[in-house]
Amino acid sequence: MLRIENAGEQDHQLRLARLHDGASLRGWLHAEGRLGTDLVGVARMGPGTVAYLPVDLQAGDYVLYCLVPDPGS
């Protein structure tokens, strides 16, 4: 069980992807995610909110990321 807490000052969202065997984070970033498989996620969360995400993770490398744009950048 993953406990997800938005301790920031703006909305966030969480996605969890498993990298394909042999893929790196750098490669995943430049390939726009095609080097991994999205598994689960949490919908948009406001500041101060908490969610629990049940997961059954196999051995491997994973990426956690947010797709909510930062209005400041």
PDB file of N, CA and C in Angstrom:
ATOM      1  N   MET A   1       0.858  -1.169   0.000  1.00  0.00           N
ATOM      2  CA  MET A   1       0.000   0.000   0.000  1.00  0.00           C
ATOM      3  C   MET A   1       0.904   1.232   0.000  1.00  0.00           C
ATOM      4  N   LEU A   2       0.714   2.090  -0.974  1.00  0.00           N
ATOM      5  CA  LEU A   2       1.441   3.355  -1.017  1.00  0.00           C
ATOM      6  C   LEU A   2       0.557   4.452  -0.440  1.00  0.00           C
ATOM      7  N   ARG A   3       1.137   5.253   0.436  1.00  0.00           N
ATOM      8  CA  ARG A   3       0.440   6.421   0.965  1.00  0.00           C
ATOM      9  C   ARG A   3       0.930   7.616   0.160  1.00  0.00           C
ATOM     10  N   ILE A   4       0.012   8.293  -0.489  1.00  0.00           N
ATOM     11  CA  ILE A   4       0.331   9.437  -1.344  1.00  0.00           C
ATOM     12  C   ILE A   4      -0.171  10.694  -0.638  1.00  0.00           C
ATOM     13  N   GLU A   5       0.733  11.623  -0.386  1.00  0.00           N
ATOM     14  CA  GLU A   5       0.353  12.881   0.265  1.00  0.00           C
ATOM     15  C   GLU A   5       0.828  14.047  -0.579  1.00  0.00           C
ATOM     16  N   ASN A   6      -0.082  14.964  -0.871  1.00  0.00           N
ATOM     17  CA  ASN A   6       0.287  16.186  -1.575  1.00  0.00           C
ATOM     18  C   ASN A   6       0.649  17.224  -0.518  1.00  0.00           C
ATOM     19  N   ALA A   7       1.949  17.342  -0.245  1.00  0.00           N
ATOM     20  CA  ALA A   7       2.436  18.299   0.743  1.00  0.00           C
ATOM     21  C   ALA A   7       2.817  19.627   0.083  1.00  0.00           C
ATOM     22  N   GLY A   8       2.516  19.756  -1.211  1.00  0.00           N
ATOM     23  CA  GLY A   8       2.854  20.977  -1.932  1.00  0.00           C
ATOM     24  C   GLY A   8       1.783  22.039  -1.798  1.00  0.00           C
ATOM     25  N   GLU A   9       1.939  23.094  -2.591  1.00  0.00           N
ATOM     26  CA  GLU A   9       1.013  24.220  -2.546  1.00  0.00           C
ATOM     27  C   GLU A   9       0.110  24.292  -3.774  1.00  0.00           C
ATOM     28  N   GLN A  10       0.215  23.308  -4.668  1.00  0.00           N
ATOM     29  CA  GLN A  10      -0.636  23.283  -5.857  1.00  0.00           C
ATOM     30  C   GLN A  10      -1.122  21.850  -6.092  1.00  0.00           C
ATOM     31  N   ASP A  11      -2.087  21.705  -6.994  1.00  0.00           N
ATOM     32  CA  ASP A  11      -2.599  20.376  -7.314  1.00  0.00           C
ATOM     33  C   ASP A  11      -1.499  19.498  -7.901  1.00  0.00           C
ATOM     34  N   HIS A  12      -1.619  18.206  -7.664  1.00  0.00           N
ATOM     35  CA  HIS A  12      -0.724  17.219  -8.261  1.00  0.00           C
ATOM     36  C   HIS A  12      -1.529  15.985  -8.604  1.00  0.00           C
ATOM     37  N   GLN A  13      -0.931  15.123  -9.370  1.00  0.00           N
ATOM     38  CA  GLN A  13      -1.497  13.852  -9.767  1.00  0.00           C
ATOM     39  C   GLN A  13      -0.336  12.865  -9.742  1.00  0.00           C
ATOM     40  N   LEU A  14      -0.611  11.588  -9.573  1.00  0.00           N
ATOM     41  CA  LEU A  14       0.482  10.624  -9.545  1.00  0.00           C
ATOM     42  C   LEU A  14       0.200   9.496 -10.516  1.00  0.00           C
ATOM     43  N   ARG A  15       1.212   9.154 -11.280  1.00  0.00           N
ATOM     44  CA  ARG A  15       1.177   7.965 -12.124  1.00  0.00           C
ATOM     45  C   ARG A  15       2.412   7.133 -11.797  1.00  0.00           C
ATOM     46  N   LEU A  16       2.240   5.832 -11.849  1.00  0.00           N
ATOM     47  CA  LEU A  16       3.330   4.899 -11.585  1.00  0.00           C
ATOM     48  C   LEU A  16       3.522   4.047 -12.827  1.00  0.00           C
ATOM     49  N   ALA A  17       4.733   4.060 -13.357  1.00  0.00           N
ATOM     50  CA  ALA A  17       5.057   3.272 -14.544  1.00  0.00           C
ATOM     51  C   ALA A  17       6.241   2.364 -14.240  1.00  0.00           C
ATOM     52  N   ARG A  18       6.208   1.160 -14.784  1.00  0.00           N
ATOM     53  CA  ARG A  18       7.340   0.241 -14.671  1.00  0.00           C
ATOM     54  C   ARG A  18       8.160   0.373 -15.945  1.00  0.00           C
ATOM     55  N   LEU A  19       9.455   0.645 -15.765  1.00  0.00           N
ATOM     56  CA  LEU A  19      10.340   0.748 -16.922  1.00  0.00           C
ATOM     57  C   LEU A  19      10.522  -0.624 -17.552  1.00  0.00           C
ATOM     58  N   HIS A  20      10.598  -0.651 -18.872  1.00  0.00           N
ATOM     59  CA  HIS A  20      10.903  -1.897 -19.559  1.00  0.00           C
ATOM     60  C   HIS A  20      12.319  -2.337 -19.181  1.00  0.00           C
ATOM     61  N   ASP A  21      12.566  -3.625 -19.202  1.00  0.00           N
ATOM     62  CA  ASP A  21      13.895  -4.145 -18.868  1.00  0.00           C
ATOM     63  C   ASP A  21      14.956  -3.457 -19.707  1.00  0.00           C
ATOM     64  N   GLY A  22      16.020  -2.989 -19.060  1.00  0.00           N
ATOM     65  CA  GLY A  22      17.119  -2.318 -19.743  1.00  0.00           C
ATOM     66  C   GLY A  22      16.903  -0.835 -19.977  1.00  0.00           C
ATOM     67  N   ALA A  23      15.695  -0.320 -19.717  1.00  0.00           N
ATOM     68  CA  ALA A  23      15.417   1.105 -19.923  1.00  0.00           C
ATOM     69  C   ALA A  23      15.932   1.909 -18.734  1.00  0.00           C
ATOM     70  N   SER A  24      16.307   3.152 -18.997  1.00  0.00           N
ATOM     71  CA  SER A  24      16.772   4.054 -17.942  1.00  0.00           C
ATOM     72  C   SER A  24      15.781   5.204 -17.789  1.00  0.00           C
ATOM     73  N   LEU A  25      15.871   5.888 -16.667  1.00  0.00           N
ATOM     74  CA  LEU A  25      15.031   7.065 -16.460  1.00  0.00           C
ATOM     75  C   LEU A  25      15.309   8.106 -17.539  1.00  0.00           C
ATOM     76  N   ARG A  26      16.562   8.325 -17.844  1.00  0.00           N
ATOM     77  CA  ARG A  26      16.928   9.303 -18.883  1.00  0.00           C
ATOM     78  C   ARG A  26      16.296   8.914 -20.228  1.00  0.00           C
ATOM     79  N   GLY A  27      16.378   7.642 -20.577  1.00  0.00           N
ATOM     80  CA  GLY A  27      15.776   7.172 -21.822  1.00  0.00           C
ATOM     81  C   GLY A  27      14.270   7.329 -21.807  1.00  0.00           C
ATOM     82  N   TRP A  28      13.647   7.027 -20.671  1.00  0.00           N
ATOM     83  CA  TRP A  28      12.197   7.150 -20.535  1.00  0.00           C
ATOM     84  C   TRP A  28      11.773   8.608 -20.730  1.00  0.00           C
ATOM     85  N   LEU A  29      12.513   9.538 -20.128  1.00  0.00           N
ATOM     86  CA  LEU A  29      12.176  10.956 -20.266  1.00  0.00           C
ATOM     87  C   LEU A  29      12.255  11.409 -21.718  1.00  0.00           C
ATOM     88  N   HIS A  30      13.277  10.985 -22.435  1.00  0.00           N
ATOM     89  CA  HIS A  30      13.461  11.412 -23.824  1.00  0.00           C
ATOM     90  C   HIS A  30      12.540  10.679 -24.799  1.00  0.00           C
ATOM     91  N   ALA A  31      12.046   9.516 -24.399  1.00  0.00           N
ATOM     92  CA  ALA A  31      11.148   8.743 -25.265  1.00  0.00           C
ATOM     93  C   ALA A  31       9.690   9.036 -24.951  1.00  0.00           C
ATOM     94  N   GLU A  32       9.423  10.009 -24.097  1.00  0.00           N
ATOM     95  CA  GLU A  32       8.066  10.396 -23.706  1.00  0.00           C
ATOM     96  C   GLU A  32       7.283   9.200 -23.175  1.00  0.00           C
ATOM     97  N   GLY A  33       7.925   8.370 -22.368  1.00  0.00           N
ATOM     98  CA  GLY A  33       7.237   7.290 -21.678  1.00  0.00           C
ATOM     99  C   GLY A  33       7.116   5.989 -22.432  1.00  0.00           C
ATOM    100  N   ARG A  34       7.571   5.915 -23.671  1.00  0.00           N
ATOM    101  CA  ARG A  34       7.396   4.686 -24.439  1.00  0.00           C
ATOM    102  C   ARG A  34       8.305   3.554 -23.964  1.00  0.00           C
ATOM    103  N   LEU A  35       9.186   3.820 -23.026  1.00  0.00           N
ATOM    104  CA  LEU A  35      10.081   2.791 -22.501  1.00  0.00           C
ATOM    105  C   LEU A  35       9.559   2.210 -21.199  1.00  0.00           C
ATOM    106  N   GLY A  36       8.279   2.415 -20.937  1.00  0.00           N
ATOM    107  CA  GLY A  36       7.676   1.896 -19.720  1.00  0.00           C
ATOM    108  C   GLY A  36       6.194   1.652 -19.914  1.00  0.00           C
ATOM    109  N   THR A  37       5.589   1.027 -18.918  1.00  0.00           N
ATOM    110  CA  THR A  37       4.163   0.719 -18.956  1.00  0.00           C
ATOM    111  C   THR A  37       3.486   1.327 -17.737  1.00  0.00           C
ATOM    112  N   ASP A  38       2.509   2.206 -17.965  1.00  0.00           N
ATOM    113  CA  ASP A  38       1.746   2.769 -16.845  1.00  0.00           C
ATOM    114  C   ASP A  38       0.977   1.655 -16.148  1.00  0.00           C
ATOM    115  N   LEU A  39       1.037   1.650 -14.820  1.00  0.00           N
ATOM    116  CA  LEU A  39       0.373   0.613 -14.046  1.00  0.00           C
ATOM    117  C   LEU A  39      -0.849   1.138 -13.302  1.00  0.00           C
ATOM    118  N   VAL A  40      -0.654   2.171 -12.508  1.00  0.00           N
ATOM    119  CA  VAL A  40      -1.727   2.723 -11.677  1.00  0.00           C
ATOM    120  C   VAL A  40      -1.509   4.217 -11.523  1.00  0.00           C
ATOM    121  N   GLY A  41      -2.484   4.881 -10.925  1.00  0.00           N
ATOM    122  CA  GLY A  41      -2.340   6.298 -10.681  1.00  0.00           C
ATOM    123  C   GLY A  41      -3.384   6.809  -9.711  1.00  0.00           C
ATOM    124  N   VAL A  42      -3.227   8.061  -9.349  1.00  0.00           N
ATOM    125  CA  VAL A  42      -4.151   8.761  -8.465  1.00  0.00           C
ATOM    126  C   VAL A  42      -4.595  10.015  -9.203  1.00  0.00           C
ATOM    127  N   ALA A  43      -5.899  10.281  -9.169  1.00  0.00           N
ATOM    128  CA  ALA A  43      -6.445  11.466  -9.830  1.00  0.00           C
ATOM    129  C   ALA A  43      -5.892  12.738  -9.190  1.00  0.00           C
ATOM    130  N   ARG A  44      -6.169  13.838  -9.809  1.00  0.00           N
ATOM    131  CA  ARG A  44      -5.708  15.143  -9.322  1.00  0.00           C
ATOM    132  C   ARG A  44      -6.041  15.317  -7.843  1.00  0.00           C
ATOM    133  N   MET A  45      -5.039  15.726  -7.083  1.00  0.00           N
ATOM    134  CA  MET A  45      -5.182  15.904  -5.632  1.00  0.00           C
ATOM    135  C   MET A  45      -4.826  17.333  -5.265  1.00  0.00           C
ATOM    136  N   GLY A  46      -5.639  17.943  -4.448  1.00  0.00           N
ATOM    137  CA  GLY A  46      -5.352  19.288  -3.975  1.00  0.00           C
ATOM    138  C   GLY A  46      -4.333  19.277  -2.856  1.00  0.00           C
ATOM    139  N   PRO A  47      -3.768  20.436  -2.531  1.00  0.00           N
ATOM    140  CA  PRO A  47      -2.803  20.539  -1.442  1.00  0.00           C
ATOM    141  C   PRO A  47      -3.375  19.993  -0.133  1.00  0.00           C
ATOM    142  N   GLY A  48      -2.558  19.246   0.588  1.00  0.00           N
ATOM    143  CA  GLY A  48      -2.948  18.721   1.890  1.00  0.00           C
ATOM    144  C   GLY A  48      -3.762  17.441   1.853  1.00  0.00           C
ATOM    145  N   THR A  49      -4.051  16.911   0.663  1.00  0.00           N
ATOM    146  CA  THR A  49      -4.852  15.691   0.587  1.00  0.00           C
ATOM    147  C   THR A  49      -3.968  14.450   0.637  1.00  0.00           C
ATOM    148  N   VAL A  50      -4.583  13.331   1.051  1.00  0.00           N
ATOM    149  CA  VAL A  50      -3.889  12.047   1.172  1.00  0.00           C
ATOM    150  C   VAL A  50      -4.723  10.986   0.464  1.00  0.00           C
ATOM    151  N   ALA A  51      -4.054  10.073  -0.219  1.00  0.00           N
ATOM    152  CA  ALA A  51      -4.719   8.938  -0.865  1.00  0.00           C
ATOM    153  C   ALA A  51      -3.887   7.690  -0.602  1.00  0.00           C
ATOM    154  N   TYR A  52      -4.533   6.547  -0.679  1.00  0.00           N
ATOM    155  CA  TYR A  52      -3.851   5.267  -0.516  1.00  0.00           C
ATOM    156  C   TYR A  52      -4.024   4.471  -1.795  1.00  0.00           C
ATOM    157  N   LEU A  53      -2.935   3.903  -2.263  1.00  0.00           N
ATOM    158  CA  LEU A  53      -2.927   3.211  -3.545  1.00  0.00           C
ATOM    159  C   LEU A  53      -2.433   1.780  -3.343  1.00  0.00           C
ATOM    160  N   PRO A  54      -3.332   0.785  -3.467  1.00  0.00           N
ATOM    161  CA  PRO A  54      -2.882  -0.595  -3.329  1.00  0.00           C
ATOM    162  C   PRO A  54      -2.123  -1.027  -4.582  1.00  0.00           C
ATOM    163  N   VAL A  55      -0.937  -1.545  -4.400  1.00  0.00           N
ATOM    164  CA  VAL A  55      -0.115  -1.984  -5.530  1.00  0.00           C
ATOM    165  C   VAL A  55       0.531  -3.327  -5.214  1.00  0.00           C
ATOM    166  N   ASP A  56       0.802  -4.080  -6.251  1.00  0.00           N
ATOM    167  CA  ASP A  56       1.536  -5.336  -6.149  1.00  0.00           C
ATOM    168  C   ASP A  56       2.680  -5.220  -7.144  1.00  0.00           C
ATOM    169  N   LEU A  57       3.824  -4.756  -6.673  1.00  0.00           N
ATOM    170  CA  LEU A  57       4.944  -4.458  -7.561  1.00  0.00           C
ATOM    171  C   LEU A  57       5.881  -5.655  -7.684  1.00  0.00           C
ATOM    172  N   GLN A  58       6.251  -5.935  -8.916  1.00  0.00           N
ATOM    173  CA  GLN A  58       7.247  -6.962  -9.195  1.00  0.00           C
ATOM    174  C   GLN A  58       8.627  -6.305  -9.173  1.00  0.00           C
ATOM    175  N   ALA A  59       9.668  -7.111  -9.099  1.00  0.00           N
ATOM    176  CA  ALA A  59      11.028  -6.571  -9.139  1.00  0.00           C
ATOM    177  C   ALA A  59      11.222  -5.787 -10.435  1.00  0.00           C
ATOM    178  N   GLY A  60      11.887  -4.667 -10.345  1.00  0.00           N
ATOM    179  CA  GLY A  60      12.134  -3.842 -11.525  1.00  0.00           C
ATOM    180  C   GLY A  60      12.329  -2.396 -11.132  1.00  0.00           C
ATOM    181  N   ASP A  61      12.431  -1.548 -12.136  1.00  0.00           N
ATOM    182  CA  ASP A  61      12.610  -0.114 -11.935  1.00  0.00           C
ATOM    183  C   ASP A  61      11.311   0.601 -12.308  1.00  0.00           C
ATOM    184  N   TYR A  62      10.954   1.584 -11.489  1.00  0.00           N
ATOM    185  CA  TYR A  62       9.690   2.293 -11.650  1.00  0.00           C
ATOM    186  C   TYR A  62       9.916   3.798 -11.687  1.00  0.00           C
ATOM    187  N   VAL A  63       8.946   4.505 -12.268  1.00  0.00           N
ATOM    188  CA  VAL A  63       8.949   5.960 -12.330  1.00  0.00           C
ATOM    189  C   VAL A  63       7.626   6.444 -11.747  1.00  0.00           C
ATOM    190  N   LEU A  64       7.695   7.416 -10.838  1.00  0.00           N
ATOM    191  CA  LEU A  64       6.513   8.122 -10.345  1.00  0.00           C
ATOM    192  C   LEU A  64       6.538   9.505 -10.980  1.00  0.00           C
ATOM    193  N   TYR A  65       5.412   9.916 -11.553  1.00  0.00           N
ATOM    194  CA  TYR A  65       5.404  11.236 -12.198  1.00  0.00           C
ATOM    195  C   TYR A  65       4.029  11.884 -12.121  1.00  0.00           C
ATOM    196  N   CYS A  66       4.033  13.175 -12.360  1.00  0.00           N
ATOM    197  CA  CYS A  66       2.820  14.003 -12.310  1.00  0.00           C
ATOM    198  C   CYS A  66       2.655  14.692 -13.652  1.00  0.00           C
ATOM    199  N   LEU A  67       1.412  14.766 -14.141  1.00  0.00           N
ATOM    200  CA  LEU A  67       1.137  15.417 -15.424  1.00  0.00           C
ATOM    201  C   LEU A  67       0.440  16.771 -15.273  1.00  0.00           C
ATOM    202  N   VAL A  68       0.311  17.267 -14.045  1.00  0.00           N
ATOM    203  CA  VAL A  68      -0.301  18.578 -13.841  1.00  0.00           C
ATOM    204  C   VAL A  68       0.772  19.638 -14.074  1.00  0.00           C
ATOM    205  N   PRO A  69       0.576  20.519 -15.045  1.00  0.00           N
ATOM    206  CA  PRO A  69       1.585  21.539 -15.327  1.00  0.00           C
ATOM    207  C   PRO A  69       1.729  22.535 -14.182  1.00  0.00           C
ATOM    208  N   ASP A  70       2.922  23.035 -14.018  1.00  0.00           N
ATOM    209  CA  ASP A  70       3.219  24.051 -13.007  1.00  0.00           C
ATOM    210  C   ASP A  70       2.908  25.409 -13.614  1.00  0.00           C
ATOM    211  N   PRO A  71       1.938  26.137 -13.063  1.00  0.00           N
ATOM    212  CA  PRO A  71       1.576  27.427 -13.664  1.00  0.00           C
ATOM    213  C   PRO A  71       2.724  28.434 -13.646  1.00  0.00           C
ATOM    214  N   GLY A  72       3.705  28.241 -12.765  1.00  0.00           N
ATOM    215  CA  GLY A  72       4.828  29.172 -12.686  1.00  0.00           C
ATOM    216  C   GLY A  72       5.890  28.931 -13.730  1.00  0.00           C
ATOM    217  N   SER A  73       5.856  27.768 -14.372  1.00  0.00           N
ATOM    218  CA  SER A  73       6.905  27.490 -15.370  1.00  0.00           C
ATOM    219  C   SER A  73       6.310  26.911 -16.620  1.00  0.00           C
TER     220      SER A  73
END
